[in-house]
Amino acid sequence: MAEDGYVTQAEAQAALREPVTLRRRSAEETAVADFFTEEVRRQLVARFGEEGFYEGGLSVRTTVQPRLQQLADRALRDGLAAYDRKRGWRGPVTKLDPGAADWRERLAGTDPGFELG
């Protein structure tokens, strides 16, 4: 940070002498809504610029509720998996040999309303 001009050399040396302590984040502090968080970041950068966003000391509160977001994410994944099991694509019904004489009739036969011109 001193090399980039964010703090003085004296401040950097003082910080290096301080002990490093770890603190676990609470669920509220952990970003679980990646797309939501990214959209908030994009809007703030558009409003304040890159420098204002990263160096401006902003404190941002949003409407996201981590526990509800986790439940919504799980519900979406489970719903998509269930939909795929019932209606997902499972490969071709049949294979047609374009060299066969009857390929046009066979193709039309897979859909009664289909006419090949």
C-alpha atoms as a PDB file:
ATOM      1  CA  MET A   1       0.000   0.000   0.000  1.00  0.00           C
ATOM      2  CA  ALA A   2       2.923   2.285   0.665  1.00  0.00           C
ATOM      3  CA  GLU A   3       4.296   1.606  -2.829  1.00  0.00           C
ATOM      4  CA  ASP A   4       0.958   2.651  -4.329  1.00  0.00           C
ATOM      5  CA  GLY A   5       0.708   5.773  -2.161  1.00  0.00           C
ATOM      6  CA  TYR A   6      -2.227   4.730   0.008  1.00  0.00           C
ATOM      7  CA  VAL A   7      -0.207   4.979   3.247  1.00  0.00           C
ATOM      8  CA  THR A   8       3.098   6.572   4.177  1.00  0.00           C
ATOM      9  CA  GLN A   9       6.257   4.514   4.722  1.00  0.00           C
ATOM     10  CA  ALA A  10       5.995   5.233   8.462  1.00  0.00           C
ATOM     11  CA  GLU A  11       2.405   3.949   8.531  1.00  0.00           C
ATOM     12  CA  ALA A  12       3.440   0.840   6.614  1.00  0.00           C
ATOM     13  CA  GLN A  13       6.293   0.115   9.055  1.00  0.00           C
ATOM     14  CA  ALA A  14       3.978   0.627  12.045  1.00  0.00           C
ATOM     15  CA  ALA A  15       1.430  -1.750  10.532  1.00  0.00           C
ATOM     16  CA  LEU A  16       4.107  -4.393   9.979  1.00  0.00           C
ATOM     17  CA  ARG A  17       4.949  -4.317  13.693  1.00  0.00           C
ATOM     18  CA  GLU A  18       1.345  -4.996  14.751  1.00  0.00           C
ATOM     19  CA  PRO A  19       0.331  -8.611  15.420  1.00  0.00           C
ATOM     20  CA  VAL A  20      -1.938 -10.271  12.878  1.00  0.00           C
ATOM     21  CA  THR A  21      -5.254 -11.427  14.317  1.00  0.00           C
ATOM     22  CA  LEU A  22      -7.916 -13.444  12.558  1.00  0.00           C
ATOM     23  CA  ARG A  23     -11.645 -12.958  12.894  1.00  0.00           C
ATOM     24  CA  ARG A  24     -14.197 -15.229  11.256  1.00  0.00           C
ATOM     25  CA  ARG A  25     -16.904 -13.557   9.238  1.00  0.00           C
ATOM     26  CA  SER A  26     -20.494 -13.966  10.262  1.00  0.00           C
ATOM     27  CA  ALA A  27     -23.060 -15.290   7.772  1.00  0.00           C
ATOM     28  CA  GLU A  28     -24.268 -11.728   7.254  1.00  0.00           C
ATOM     29  CA  GLU A  29     -20.791 -10.602   6.214  1.00  0.00           C
ATOM     30  CA  THR A  30     -20.228 -13.435   3.761  1.00  0.00           C
ATOM     31  CA  ALA A  31     -21.380 -12.723   0.227  1.00  0.00           C
ATOM     32  CA  VAL A  32     -23.688 -15.535  -0.828  1.00  0.00           C
ATOM     33  CA  ALA A  33     -25.489 -13.669  -3.586  1.00  0.00           C
ATOM     34  CA  ASP A  34     -22.729 -13.493  -6.172  1.00  0.00           C
ATOM     35  CA  PHE A  35     -24.824 -12.067  -9.014  1.00  0.00           C
ATOM     36  CA  PHE A  36     -26.596  -9.588  -6.732  1.00  0.00           C
ATOM     37  CA  THR A  37     -23.306  -8.489  -5.186  1.00  0.00           C
ATOM     38  CA  GLU A  38     -21.714  -8.034  -8.611  1.00  0.00           C
ATOM     39  CA  GLU A  39     -24.650  -5.916  -9.802  1.00  0.00           C
ATOM     40  CA  VAL A  40     -24.352  -3.695  -6.722  1.00  0.00           C
ATOM     41  CA  ARG A  41     -20.613  -3.348  -7.396  1.00  0.00           C
ATOM     42  CA  ARG A  42     -21.250  -2.414 -11.039  1.00  0.00           C
ATOM     43  CA  GLN A  43     -23.811   0.226 -10.105  1.00  0.00           C
ATOM     44  CA  LEU A  44     -21.526   1.748  -7.475  1.00  0.00           C
ATOM     45  CA  VAL A  45     -18.593   1.866  -9.899  1.00  0.00           C
ATOM     46  CA  ALA A  46     -20.857   3.534 -12.476  1.00  0.00           C
ATOM     47  CA  ARG A  47     -21.938   6.105  -9.906  1.00  0.00           C
ATOM     48  CA  PHE A  48     -18.657   6.794  -8.074  1.00  0.00           C
ATOM     49  CA  GLY A  49     -16.016   5.528 -10.524  1.00  0.00           C
ATOM     50  CA  GLU A  50     -13.392   2.854  -9.885  1.00  0.00           C
ATOM     51  CA  GLU A  51     -11.327   5.088  -7.627  1.00  0.00           C
ATOM     52  CA  GLY A  52     -14.315   6.254  -5.604  1.00  0.00           C
ATOM     53  CA  PHE A  53     -15.541   2.704  -5.199  1.00  0.00           C
ATOM     54  CA  TYR A  54     -12.249   1.098  -4.197  1.00  0.00           C
ATOM     55  CA  GLU A  55     -10.664   4.021  -2.360  1.00  0.00           C
ATOM     56  CA  GLY A  56     -13.594   6.130  -1.207  1.00  0.00           C
ATOM     57  CA  GLY A  57     -14.276   4.333   2.066  1.00  0.00           C
ATOM     58  CA  LEU A  58     -17.846   3.472   1.116  1.00  0.00           C
ATOM     59  CA  SER A  59     -20.061   1.570   3.523  1.00  0.00           C
ATOM     60  CA  VAL A  60     -22.776  -0.262   1.607  1.00  0.00           C
ATOM     61  CA  ARG A  61     -25.931  -1.912   2.919  1.00  0.00           C
ATOM     62  CA  THR A  62     -28.212  -3.905   0.650  1.00  0.00           C
ATOM     63  CA  THR A  63     -31.542  -5.667   0.890  1.00  0.00           C
ATOM     64  CA  VAL A  64     -30.043  -9.140   0.468  1.00  0.00           C
ATOM     65  CA  GLN A  65     -30.632 -11.553   3.342  1.00  0.00           C
ATOM     66  CA  PRO A  66     -27.969 -14.296   3.210  1.00  0.00           C
ATOM     67  CA  ARG A  67     -30.075 -17.097   4.701  1.00  0.00           C
ATOM     68  CA  LEU A  68     -33.012 -16.388   2.396  1.00  0.00           C
ATOM     69  CA  GLN A  69     -30.622 -16.171  -0.566  1.00  0.00           C
ATOM     70  CA  GLN A  70     -29.172 -19.588   0.291  1.00  0.00           C
ATOM     71  CA  LEU A  71     -32.679 -21.051   0.454  1.00  0.00           C
ATOM     72  CA  ALA A  72     -33.607 -19.430  -2.872  1.00  0.00           C
ATOM     73  CA  ASP A  73     -30.424 -20.741  -4.533  1.00  0.00           C
ATOM     74  CA  ARG A  74     -31.125 -24.258  -3.266  1.00  0.00           C
ATOM     75  CA  ALA A  75     -34.766 -24.103  -4.393  1.00  0.00           C
ATOM     76  CA  LEU A  76     -33.708 -22.980  -7.878  1.00  0.00           C
ATOM     77  CA  ARG A  77     -31.072 -25.724  -8.222  1.00  0.00           C
ATOM     78  CA  ASP A  78     -33.482 -28.387  -6.971  1.00  0.00           C
ATOM     79  CA  GLY A  79     -36.243 -27.133  -9.280  1.00  0.00           C
ATOM     80  CA  LEU A  80     -33.973 -27.117 -12.328  1.00  0.00           C
ATOM     81  CA  ALA A  81     -32.743 -30.624 -11.539  1.00  0.00           C
ATOM     82  CA  ALA A  82     -36.338 -31.878 -11.155  1.00  0.00           C
ATOM     83  CA  TYR A  83     -37.363 -30.206 -14.420  1.00  0.00           C
ATOM     84  CA  ASP A  84     -34.403 -31.750 -16.217  1.00  0.00           C
ATOM     85  CA  ARG A  85     -35.259 -35.225 -14.901  1.00  0.00           C
ATOM     86  CA  LYS A  86     -38.824 -34.888 -16.238  1.00  0.00           C
ATOM     87  CA  ARG A  87     -38.370 -32.916 -19.445  1.00  0.00           C
ATOM     88  CA  GLY A  88     -34.664 -32.571 -20.131  1.00  0.00           C
ATOM     89  CA  TRP A  89     -33.074 -33.412 -23.459  1.00  0.00           C
ATOM     90  CA  ARG A  90     -32.013 -37.042 -23.562  1.00  0.00           C
ATOM     91  CA  GLY A  91     -30.468 -37.270 -26.987  1.00  0.00           C
ATOM     92  CA  PRO A  92     -31.961 -37.963 -30.411  1.00  0.00           C
ATOM     93  CA  VAL A  93     -35.041 -40.144 -30.774  1.00  0.00           C
ATOM     94  CA  THR A  94     -33.487 -41.794 -33.796  1.00  0.00           C
ATOM     95  CA  LYS A  95     -30.611 -41.386 -36.211  1.00  0.00           C
ATOM     96  CA  LEU A  96     -31.142 -40.856 -39.911  1.00  0.00           C
ATOM     97  CA  ASP A  97     -28.707 -41.931 -42.562  1.00  0.00           C
ATOM     98  CA  PRO A  98     -28.702 -39.160 -45.191  1.00  0.00           C
ATOM     99  CA  GLY A  99     -27.528 -41.721 -47.744  1.00  0.00           C
ATOM    100  CA  ALA A 100     -30.634 -43.879 -47.264  1.00  0.00           C
ATOM    101  CA  ALA A 101     -33.343 -43.557 -49.899  1.00  0.00           C
ATOM    102  CA  ASP A 102     -36.153 -43.143 -47.362  1.00  0.00           C
ATOM    103  CA  TRP A 103     -34.574 -40.546 -45.037  1.00  0.00           C
ATOM    104  CA  ARG A 104     -37.112 -37.870 -46.030  1.00  0.00           C
ATOM    105  CA  GLU A 105     -40.060 -40.131 -45.231  1.00  0.00           C
ATOM    106  CA  ARG A 106     -38.506 -41.216 -41.948  1.00  0.00           C
ATOM    107  CA  LEU A 107     -37.867 -37.586 -40.959  1.00  0.00           C
ATOM    108  CA  ALA A 108     -41.436 -36.588 -41.770  1.00  0.00           C
ATOM    109  CA  GLY A 109     -42.655 -39.650 -39.866  1.00  0.00           C
ATOM    110  CA  THR A 110     -41.263 -38.339 -36.564  1.00  0.00           C
ATOM    111  CA  ASP A 111     -43.753 -35.416 -36.661  1.00  0.00           C
ATOM    112  CA  PRO A 112     -47.115 -36.033 -38.399  1.00  0.00           C
ATOM    113  CA  GLY A 113     -47.550 -32.322 -39.250  1.00  0.00           C
ATOM    114  CA  PHE A 114     -44.077 -31.951 -40.723  1.00  0.00           C
ATOM    115  CA  GLU A 115     -43.592 -31.680 -44.470  1.00  0.00           C
ATOM    116  CA  LEU A 116     -40.181 -31.569 -46.032  1.00  0.00           C
ATOM    117  CA  GLY A 117     -40.248 -29.410 -49.171  1.00  0.00           C
END
